[in-house]
Amino acid sequence: MHVTPVARRFIETMAAASPFPTNTILRGLLDPRLTERMLDLLRSKGRVFDPVLHTTVNATIVRGGEKINVIPSEVTVELDGRLLLGYTPPI
């Protein structure tokens, strides 16, 4: 979990405009010890914050066999990774 300056401003602005207890939960997102717990409390509304605070990766293309009931000899998976602003991929 990483709080970039942009993410901090985004969350703090939303918290300032939100009533209690939402404002407290939003501010809790900025504390790495509480982030996951706060995301759970936000339930589906918290989905927008997860990629703002974490680097993400998703399997977007999976290729395998060509016939049903035949185990392919090779399977490939292509991943789409999204880094947070200010971070670079490891070399």
PDB file of N, CA and C in Angstrom:
ATOM      1  N   MET A   1       0.845  -1.167   0.000  1.00  0.00           N
ATOM      2  CA  MET A   1       0.000   0.000   0.000  1.00  0.00           C
ATOM      3  C   MET A   1       0.886   1.223   0.000  1.00  0.00           C
ATOM      4  N   HIS A   2       0.628   2.118  -0.929  1.00  0.00           N
ATOM      5  CA  HIS A   2       1.415   3.350  -1.031  1.00  0.00           C
ATOM      6  C   HIS A   2       0.467   4.530  -1.228  1.00  0.00           C
ATOM      7  N   VAL A   3       0.671   5.569  -0.457  1.00  0.00           N
ATOM      8  CA  VAL A   3      -0.139   6.778  -0.605  1.00  0.00           C
ATOM      9  C   VAL A   3       0.693   7.807  -1.361  1.00  0.00           C
ATOM     10  N   THR A   4       0.365   7.995  -2.630  1.00  0.00           N
ATOM     11  CA  THR A   4       1.058   9.015  -3.423  1.00  0.00           C
ATOM     12  C   THR A   4       0.470  10.379  -3.051  1.00  0.00           C
ATOM     13  N   PRO A   5       1.174  11.460  -3.356  1.00  0.00           N
ATOM     14  CA  PRO A   5       0.628  12.787  -3.057  1.00  0.00           C
ATOM     15  C   PRO A   5      -0.739  13.025  -3.716  1.00  0.00           C
ATOM     16  N   VAL A   6      -0.908  12.548  -4.934  1.00  0.00           N
ATOM     17  CA  VAL A   6      -2.191  12.716  -5.632  1.00  0.00           C
ATOM     18  C   VAL A   6      -3.296  11.930  -4.919  1.00  0.00           C
ATOM     19  N   ALA A   7      -2.993  10.700  -4.528  1.00  0.00           N
ATOM     20  CA  ALA A   7      -3.982   9.876  -3.815  1.00  0.00           C
ATOM     21  C   ALA A   7      -4.353  10.520  -2.481  1.00  0.00           C
ATOM     22  N   ARG A   8      -3.362  11.062  -1.781  1.00  0.00           N
ATOM     23  CA  ARG A   8      -3.627  11.716  -0.496  1.00  0.00           C
ATOM     24  C   ARG A   8      -4.590  12.894  -0.674  1.00  0.00           C
ATOM     25  N   ARG A   9      -4.325  13.736  -1.672  1.00  0.00           N
ATOM     26  CA  ARG A   9      -5.213  14.891  -1.915  1.00  0.00           C
ATOM     27  C   ARG A   9      -6.618  14.427  -2.290  1.00  0.00           C
ATOM     28  N   PHE A  10      -6.701  13.414  -3.137  1.00  0.00           N
ATOM     29  CA  PHE A  10      -7.985  12.867  -3.574  1.00  0.00           C
ATOM     30  C   PHE A  10      -8.803  12.390  -2.374  1.00  0.00           C
ATOM     31  N   ILE A  11      -8.186  11.594  -1.522  1.00  0.00           N
ATOM     32  CA  ILE A  11      -8.898  11.011  -0.379  1.00  0.00           C
ATOM     33  C   ILE A  11      -9.202  12.074   0.673  1.00  0.00           C
ATOM     34  N   GLU A  12      -8.250  12.967   0.954  1.00  0.00           N
ATOM     35  CA  GLU A  12      -8.495  14.025   1.936  1.00  0.00           C
ATOM     36  C   GLU A  12      -9.615  14.960   1.488  1.00  0.00           C
ATOM     37  N   THR A  13      -9.684  15.272   0.202  1.00  0.00           N
ATOM     38  CA  THR A  13     -10.750  16.130  -0.324  1.00  0.00           C
ATOM     39  C   THR A  13     -12.108  15.457  -0.179  1.00  0.00           C
ATOM     40  N   MET A  14     -12.165  14.163  -0.496  1.00  0.00           N
ATOM     41  CA  MET A  14     -13.422  13.425  -0.337  1.00  0.00           C
ATOM     42  C   MET A  14     -13.828  13.342   1.132  1.00  0.00           C
ATOM     43  N   ALA A  15     -12.852  13.121   2.005  1.00  0.00           N
ATOM     44  CA  ALA A  15     -13.147  13.029   3.439  1.00  0.00           C
ATOM     45  C   ALA A  15     -13.685  14.355   3.970  1.00  0.00           C
ATOM     46  N   ALA A  16     -13.101  15.469   3.531  1.00  0.00           N
ATOM     47  CA  ALA A  16     -13.537  16.784   3.999  1.00  0.00           C
ATOM     48  C   ALA A  16     -14.978  17.086   3.586  1.00  0.00           C
ATOM     49  N   ALA A  17     -15.416  16.507   2.473  1.00  0.00           N
ATOM     50  CA  ALA A  17     -16.764  16.768   1.979  1.00  0.00           C
ATOM     51  C   ALA A  17     -17.780  15.715   2.429  1.00  0.00           C
ATOM     52  N   SER A  18     -17.322  14.728   3.203  1.00  0.00           N
ATOM     53  CA  SER A  18     -18.204  13.627   3.609  1.00  0.00           C
ATOM     54  C   SER A  18     -18.609  13.749   5.069  1.00  0.00           C
ATOM     55  N   PRO A  19     -19.800  13.271   5.399  1.00  0.00           N
ATOM     56  CA  PRO A  19     -20.252  13.293   6.792  1.00  0.00           C
ATOM     57  C   PRO A  19     -19.614  12.156   7.591  1.00  0.00           C
ATOM     58  N   PHE A  20     -19.715  12.248   8.907  1.00  0.00           N
ATOM     59  CA  PHE A  20     -19.298  11.171   9.802  1.00  0.00           C
ATOM     60  C   PHE A  20     -20.263   9.999   9.585  1.00  0.00           C
ATOM     61  N   PRO A  21     -19.857   8.776   9.570  1.00  0.00           N
ATOM     62  CA  PRO A  21     -18.540   8.210   9.804  1.00  0.00           C
ATOM     63  C   PRO A  21     -17.718   8.033   8.530  1.00  0.00           C
ATOM     64  N   THR A  22     -18.301   8.365   7.363  1.00  0.00           N
ATOM     65  CA  THR A  22     -17.580   8.165   6.101  1.00  0.00           C
ATOM     66  C   THR A  22     -16.263   8.921   6.086  1.00  0.00           C
ATOM     67  N   ASN A  23     -16.244  10.143   6.606  1.00  0.00           N
ATOM     68  CA  ASN A  23     -15.003  10.930   6.609  1.00  0.00           C
ATOM     69  C   ASN A  23     -13.905  10.243   7.421  1.00  0.00           C
ATOM     70  N   THR A  24     -14.277   9.633   8.518  1.00  0.00           N
ATOM     71  CA  THR A  24     -13.290   8.930   9.366  1.00  0.00           C
ATOM     72  C   THR A  24     -12.757   7.692   8.650  1.00  0.00           C
ATOM     73  N   ILE A  25     -13.638   6.979   7.986  1.00  0.00           N
ATOM     74  CA  ILE A  25     -13.215   5.780   7.250  1.00  0.00           C
ATOM     75  C   ILE A  25     -12.279   6.165   6.111  1.00  0.00           C
ATOM     76  N   LEU A  26     -12.622   7.229   5.383  1.00  0.00           N
ATOM     77  CA  LEU A  26     -11.765   7.678   4.286  1.00  0.00           C
ATOM     78  C   LEU A  26     -10.379   8.074   4.788  1.00  0.00           C
ATOM     79  N   ARG A  27     -10.325   8.800   5.897  1.00  0.00           N
ATOM     80  CA  ARG A  27      -9.009   9.177   6.453  1.00  0.00           C
ATOM     81  C   ARG A  27      -8.234   7.945   6.909  1.00  0.00           C
ATOM     82  N   GLY A  28      -8.947   6.919   7.348  1.00  0.00           N
ATOM     83  CA  GLY A  28      -8.295   5.665   7.744  1.00  0.00           C
ATOM     84  C   GLY A  28      -7.605   4.969   6.585  1.00  0.00           C
ATOM     85  N   LEU A  29      -8.063   5.227   5.359  1.00  0.00           N
ATOM     86  CA  LEU A  29      -7.394   4.647   4.183  1.00  0.00           C
ATOM     87  C   LEU A  29      -5.941   5.090   4.073  1.00  0.00           C
ATOM     88  N   LEU A  30      -5.640   6.256   4.611  1.00  0.00           N
ATOM     89  CA  LEU A  30      -4.293   6.822   4.493  1.00  0.00           C
ATOM     90  C   LEU A  30      -3.314   6.235   5.493  1.00  0.00           C
ATOM     91  N   ASP A  31      -3.785   5.444   6.441  1.00  0.00           N
ATOM     92  CA  ASP A  31      -2.931   4.797   7.439  1.00  0.00           C
ATOM     93  C   ASP A  31      -2.710   3.351   6.999  1.00  0.00           C
ATOM     94  N   PRO A  32      -1.481   2.988   6.592  1.00  0.00           N
ATOM     95  CA  PRO A  32      -1.226   1.634   6.091  1.00  0.00           C
ATOM     96  C   PRO A  32      -1.670   0.517   7.046  1.00  0.00           C
ATOM     97  N   ARG A  33      -1.703   0.813   8.340  1.00  0.00           N
ATOM     98  CA  ARG A  33      -2.143  -0.212   9.299  1.00  0.00           C
ATOM     99  C   ARG A  33      -3.648  -0.444   9.231  1.00  0.00           C
ATOM    100  N   LEU A  34      -4.384   0.526   8.702  1.00  0.00           N
ATOM    101  CA  LEU A  34      -5.847   0.456   8.675  1.00  0.00           C
ATOM    102  C   LEU A  34      -6.448   0.304   7.280  1.00  0.00           C
ATOM    103  N   THR A  35      -5.644   0.484   6.254  1.00  0.00           N
ATOM    104  CA  THR A  35      -6.166   0.558   4.892  1.00  0.00           C
ATOM    105  C   THR A  35      -7.070  -0.612   4.525  1.00  0.00           C
ATOM    106  N   GLU A  36      -6.594  -1.825   4.706  1.00  0.00           N
ATOM    107  CA  GLU A  36      -7.386  -2.992   4.296  1.00  0.00           C
ATOM    108  C   GLU A  36      -8.688  -3.083   5.087  1.00  0.00           C
ATOM    109  N   ARG A  37      -8.647  -2.769   6.356  1.00  0.00           N
ATOM    110  CA  ARG A  37      -9.860  -2.787   7.186  1.00  0.00           C
ATOM    111  C   ARG A  37     -10.863  -1.727   6.701  1.00  0.00           C
ATOM    112  N   MET A  38     -10.357  -0.548   6.342  1.00  0.00           N
ATOM    113  CA  MET A  38     -11.235   0.513   5.854  1.00  0.00           C
ATOM    114  C   MET A  38     -11.842   0.150   4.494  1.00  0.00           C
ATOM    115  N   LEU A  39     -11.047  -0.468   3.619  1.00  0.00           N
ATOM    116  CA  LEU A  39     -11.580  -0.915   2.335  1.00  0.00           C
ATOM    117  C   LEU A  39     -12.709  -1.915   2.542  1.00  0.00           C
ATOM    118  N   ASP A  40     -12.534  -2.806   3.515  1.00  0.00           N
ATOM    119  CA  ASP A  40     -13.599  -3.770   3.828  1.00  0.00           C
ATOM    120  C   ASP A  40     -14.855  -3.063   4.322  1.00  0.00           C
ATOM    121  N   LEU A  41     -14.690  -2.028   5.147  1.00  0.00           N
ATOM    122  CA  LEU A  41     -15.847  -1.291   5.658  1.00  0.00           C
ATOM    123  C   LEU A  41     -16.596  -0.551   4.543  1.00  0.00           C
ATOM    124  N   LEU A  42     -15.856  -0.099   3.544  1.00  0.00           N
ATOM    125  CA  LEU A  42     -16.472   0.619   2.435  1.00  0.00           C
ATOM    126  C   LEU A  42     -17.186  -0.321   1.457  1.00  0.00           C
ATOM    127  N   ARG A  43     -16.902  -1.602   1.561  1.00  0.00           N
ATOM    128  CA  ARG A  43     -17.496  -2.627   0.682  1.00  0.00           C
ATOM    129  C   ARG A  43     -17.335  -2.253  -0.784  1.00  0.00           C
ATOM    130  N   SER A  44     -18.393  -2.334  -1.559  1.00  0.00           N
ATOM    131  CA  SER A  44     -18.278  -2.092  -3.006  1.00  0.00           C
ATOM    132  C   SER A  44     -17.855  -0.655  -3.312  1.00  0.00           C
ATOM    133  N   LYS A  45     -18.173   0.292  -2.434  1.00  0.00           N
ATOM    134  CA  LYS A  45     -17.764   1.683  -2.648  1.00  0.00           C
ATOM    135  C   LYS A  45     -16.253   1.849  -2.518  1.00  0.00           C
ATOM    136  N   GLY A  46     -15.590   0.900  -1.870  1.00  0.00           N
ATOM    137  CA  GLY A  46     -14.150   0.968  -1.689  1.00  0.00           C
ATOM    138  C   GLY A  46     -13.359   0.519  -2.898  1.00  0.00           C
ATOM    139  N   ARG A  47     -14.027  -0.061  -3.881  1.00  0.00           N
ATOM    140  CA  ARG A  47     -13.310  -0.566  -5.067  1.00  0.00           C
ATOM    141  C   ARG A  47     -12.543   0.525  -5.801  1.00  0.00           C
ATOM    142  N   VAL A  48     -13.045   1.730  -5.777  1.00  0.00           N
ATOM    143  CA  VAL A  48     -12.380   2.828  -6.472  1.00  0.00           C
ATOM    144  C   VAL A  48     -11.030   3.163  -5.816  1.00  0.00           C
ATOM    145  N   PHE A  49     -10.896   2.907  -4.530  1.00  0.00           N
ATOM    146  CA  PHE A  49      -9.677   3.280  -3.815  1.00  0.00           C
ATOM    147  C   PHE A  49      -8.572   2.233  -3.903  1.00  0.00           C
ATOM    148  N   ASP A  50      -8.929   0.982  -4.122  1.00  0.00           N
ATOM    149  CA  ASP A  50      -7.927  -0.080  -4.138  1.00  0.00           C
ATOM    150  C   ASP A  50      -6.837   0.164  -5.186  1.00  0.00           C
ATOM    151  N   PRO A  51      -7.185   0.439  -6.449  1.00  0.00           N
ATOM    152  CA  PRO A  51      -6.121   0.693  -7.428  1.00  0.00           C
ATOM    153  C   PRO A  51      -5.438   2.047  -7.266  1.00  0.00           C
ATOM    154  N   VAL A  52      -6.019   2.945  -6.482  1.00  0.00           N
ATOM    155  CA  VAL A  52      -5.390   4.244  -6.218  1.00  0.00           C
ATOM    156  C   VAL A  52      -4.269   4.077  -5.188  1.00  0.00           C
ATOM    157  N   LEU A  53      -4.360   3.033  -4.372  1.00  0.00           N
ATOM    158  CA  LEU A  53      -3.407   2.818  -3.282  1.00  0.00           C
ATOM    159  C   LEU A  53      -2.472   1.629  -3.497  1.00  0.00           C
ATOM    160  N   HIS A  54      -2.726   0.832  -4.540  1.00  0.00           N
ATOM    161  CA  HIS A  54      -1.928  -0.372  -4.772  1.00  0.00           C
ATOM    162  C   HIS A  54      -1.524  -0.477  -6.242  1.00  0.00           C
ATOM    163  N   THR A  55      -0.361  -1.035  -6.491  1.00  0.00           N
ATOM    164  CA  THR A  55      -0.004  -1.450  -7.833  1.00  0.00           C
ATOM    165  C   THR A  55      -0.872  -2.655  -8.153  1.00  0.00           C
ATOM    166  N   THR A  56      -1.377  -2.730  -9.378  1.00  0.00           N
ATOM    167  CA  THR A  56      -2.284  -3.826  -9.730  1.00  0.00           C
ATOM    168  C   THR A  56      -1.751  -4.631 -10.900  1.00  0.00           C
ATOM    169  N   VAL A  57      -2.204  -5.869 -10.992  1.00  0.00           N
ATOM    170  CA  VAL A  57      -1.896  -6.729 -12.132  1.00  0.00           C
ATOM    171  C   VAL A  57      -3.108  -7.623 -12.383  1.00  0.00           C
ATOM    172  N   ASN A  58      -3.439  -7.779 -13.660  1.00  0.00           N
ATOM    173  CA  ASN A  58      -4.575  -8.608 -14.052  1.00  0.00           C
ATOM    174  C   ASN A  58      -4.191  -9.471 -15.236  1.00  0.00           C
ATOM    175  N   ALA A  59      -4.629 -10.723 -15.216  1.00  0.00           N
ATOM    176  CA  ALA A  59      -4.465 -11.594 -16.371  1.00  0.00           C
ATOM    177  C   ALA A  59      -5.527 -11.184 -17.386  1.00  0.00           C
ATOM    178  N   THR A  60      -5.089 -10.691 -18.551  1.00  0.00           N
ATOM    179  CA  THR A  60      -6.052 -10.195 -19.536  1.00  0.00           C
ATOM    180  C   THR A  60      -6.187 -11.122 -20.745  1.00  0.00           C
ATOM    181  N   ILE A  61      -5.160 -11.910 -21.035  1.00  0.00           N
ATOM    182  CA  ILE A  61      -5.232 -12.862 -22.146  1.00  0.00           C
ATOM    183  C   ILE A  61      -4.651 -14.186 -21.672  1.00  0.00           C
ATOM    184  N   VAL A  62      -5.420 -15.248 -21.870  1.00  0.00           N
ATOM    185  CA  VAL A  62      -4.971 -16.599 -21.544  1.00  0.00           C
ATOM    186  C   VAL A  62      -5.144 -17.447 -22.797  1.00  0.00           C
ATOM    187  N   ARG A  63      -4.057 -18.099 -23.213  1.00  0.00           N
ATOM    188  CA  ARG A  63      -4.112 -18.986 -24.391  1.00  0.00           C
ATOM    189  C   ARG A  63      -3.688 -20.383 -23.968  1.00  0.00           C
ATOM    190  N   GLY A  64      -4.412 -21.365 -24.487  1.00  0.00           N
ATOM    191  CA  GLY A  64      -4.084 -22.745 -24.144  1.00  0.00           C
ATOM    192  C   GLY A  64      -4.412 -23.672 -25.287  1.00  0.00           C
ATOM    193  N   GLY A  65      -5.035 -24.786 -24.956  1.00  0.00           N
ATOM    194  CA  GLY A  65      -5.340 -25.811 -25.945  1.00  0.00           C
ATOM    195  C   GLY A  65      -6.346 -25.386 -26.987  1.00  0.00           C
ATOM    196  N   GLU A  66      -6.514 -26.264 -27.969  1.00  0.00           N
ATOM    197  CA  GLU A  66      -7.430 -26.000 -29.070  1.00  0.00           C
ATOM    198  C   GLU A  66      -8.610 -26.967 -29.102  1.00  0.00           C
ATOM    199  N   LYS A  67      -8.569 -28.018 -28.283  1.00  0.00           N
ATOM    200  CA  LYS A  67      -9.644 -28.999 -28.280  1.00  0.00           C
ATOM    201  C   LYS A  67     -10.105 -29.267 -26.850  1.00  0.00           C
ATOM    202  N   ILE A  68     -11.396 -29.564 -26.725  1.00  0.00           N
ATOM    203  CA  ILE A  68     -11.961 -29.926 -25.425  1.00  0.00           C
ATOM    204  C   ILE A  68     -11.415 -31.288 -25.001  1.00  0.00           C
ATOM    205  N   ASN A  69     -11.151 -31.436 -23.721  1.00  0.00           N
ATOM    206  CA  ASN A  69     -10.716 -32.692 -23.119  1.00  0.00           C
ATOM    207  C   ASN A  69      -9.301 -33.110 -23.534  1.00  0.00           C
ATOM    208  N   VAL A  70      -8.497 -32.145 -23.998  1.00  0.00           N
ATOM    209  CA  VAL A  70      -7.096 -32.404 -24.325  1.00  0.00           C
ATOM    210  C   VAL A  70      -6.257 -31.409 -23.538  1.00  0.00           C
ATOM    211  N   ILE A  71      -5.360 -31.933 -22.710  1.00  0.00           N
ATOM    212  CA  ILE A  71      -4.504 -31.054 -21.911  1.00  0.00           C
ATOM    213  C   ILE A  71      -3.478 -30.401 -22.831  1.00  0.00           C
ATOM    214  N   PRO A  72      -3.430 -29.054 -22.843  1.00  0.00           N
ATOM    215  CA  PRO A  72      -2.471 -28.398 -23.735  1.00  0.00           C
ATOM    216  C   PRO A  72      -1.040 -28.601 -23.249  1.00  0.00           C
ATOM    217  N   SER A  73      -0.123 -28.650 -24.203  1.00  0.00           N
ATOM    218  CA  SER A  73       1.288 -28.805 -23.847  1.00  0.00           C
ATOM    219  C   SER A  73       1.884 -27.482 -23.387  1.00  0.00           C
ATOM    220  N   GLU A  74       1.204 -26.387 -23.730  1.00  0.00           N
ATOM    221  CA  GLU A  74       1.702 -25.067 -23.348  1.00  0.00           C
ATOM    222  C   GLU A  74       0.522 -24.126 -23.129  1.00  0.00           C
ATOM    223  N   VAL A  75       0.632 -23.267 -22.125  1.00  0.00           N
ATOM    224  CA  VAL A  75      -0.359 -22.238 -21.845  1.00  0.00           C
ATOM    225  C   VAL A  75       0.396 -20.926 -21.639  1.00  0.00           C
ATOM    226  N   THR A  76      -0.112 -19.852 -22.233  1.00  0.00           N
ATOM    227  CA  THR A  76       0.506 -18.542 -22.018  1.00  0.00           C
ATOM    228  C   THR A  76      -0.517 -17.606 -21.378  1.00  0.00           C
ATOM    229  N   VAL A  77      -0.002 -16.733 -20.557  1.00  0.00           N
ATOM    230  CA  VAL A  77      -0.837 -15.745 -19.879  1.00  0.00           C
ATOM    231  C   VAL A  77      -0.179 -14.387 -20.068  1.00  0.00           C
ATOM    232  N   GLU A  78      -0.966 -13.411 -20.529  1.00  0.00           N
ATOM    233  CA  GLU A  78      -0.464 -12.047 -20.652  1.00  0.00           C
ATOM    234  C   GLU A  78      -1.058 -11.224 -19.522  1.00  0.00           C
ATOM    235  N   LEU A  79      -0.188 -10.469 -18.861  1.00  0.00           N
ATOM    236  CA  LEU A  79      -0.581  -9.688 -17.692  1.00  0.00           C
ATOM    237  C   LEU A  79      -0.549  -8.202 -17.997  1.00  0.00           C
ATOM    238  N   ASP A  80      -1.512  -7.485 -17.448  1.00  0.00           N
ATOM    239  CA  ASP A  80      -1.567  -6.033 -17.558  1.00  0.00           C
ATOM    240  C   ASP A  80      -1.258  -5.469 -16.175  1.00  0.00           C
ATOM    241  N   GLY A  81      -0.091  -4.864 -16.026  1.00  0.00           N
ATOM    242  CA  GLY A  81       0.308  -4.292 -14.745  1.00  0.00           C
ATOM    243  C   GLY A  81       0.176  -2.788 -14.762  1.00  0.00           C
ATOM    244  N   ARG A  82      -0.339  -2.236 -13.677  1.00  0.00           N
ATOM    245  CA  ARG A  82      -0.483  -0.785 -13.539  1.00  0.00           C
ATOM    246  C   ARG A  82       0.284  -0.345 -12.295  1.00  0.00           C
ATOM    247  N   LEU A  83       1.306   0.475 -12.516  1.00  0.00           N
ATOM    248  CA  LEU A  83       2.106   0.993 -11.416  1.00  0.00           C
ATOM    249  C   LEU A  83       1.530   2.304 -10.911  1.00  0.00           C
ATOM    250  N   LEU A  84       1.691   2.544  -9.635  1.00  0.00           N
ATOM    251  CA  LEU A  84       1.293   3.829  -9.061  1.00  0.00           C
ATOM    252  C   LEU A  84       2.200   4.923  -9.600  1.00  0.00           C
ATOM    253  N   LEU A  85       1.673   6.152  -9.659  1.00  0.00           N
ATOM    254  CA  LEU A  85       2.484   7.286 -10.109  1.00  0.00           C
ATOM    255  C   LEU A  85       3.746   7.388  -9.254  1.00  0.00           C
ATOM    256  N   GLY A  86       4.856   7.614  -9.920  1.00  0.00           N
ATOM    257  CA  GLY A  86       6.112   7.775  -9.211  1.00  0.00           C
ATOM    258  C   GLY A  86       6.900   6.489  -9.027  1.00  0.00           C
ATOM    259  N   TYR A  87       6.338   5.360  -9.423  1.00  0.00           N
ATOM    260  CA  TYR A  87       7.022   4.080  -9.294  1.00  0.00           C
ATOM    261  C   TYR A  87       7.421   3.581 -10.670  1.00  0.00           C
ATOM    262  N   THR A  88       8.531   2.874 -10.741  1.00  0.00           N
ATOM    263  CA  THR A  88       9.001   2.319 -11.996  1.00  0.00           C
ATOM    264  C   THR A  88       9.123   0.810 -11.860  1.00  0.00           C
ATOM    265  N   PRO A  89       9.017   0.089 -12.978  1.00  0.00           N
ATOM    266  CA  PRO A  89       9.131  -1.365 -12.886  1.00  0.00           C
ATOM    267  C   PRO A  89      10.551  -1.767 -12.524  1.00  0.00           C
ATOM    268  N   PRO A  90      10.694  -2.886 -11.796  1.00  0.00           N
ATOM    269  CA  PRO A  90      12.039  -3.361 -11.488  1.00  0.00           C
ATOM    270  C   PRO A  90      12.721  -3.846 -12.759  1.00  0.00           C
ATOM    271  N   ILE A  91      14.007  -3.659 -12.809  1.00  0.00           N
ATOM    272  CA  ILE A  91      14.773  -4.073 -14.007  1.00  0.00           C
ATOM    273  C   ILE A  91      15.440  -5.392 -13.759  1.00  0.00           C
TER     274      ILE A  91
END
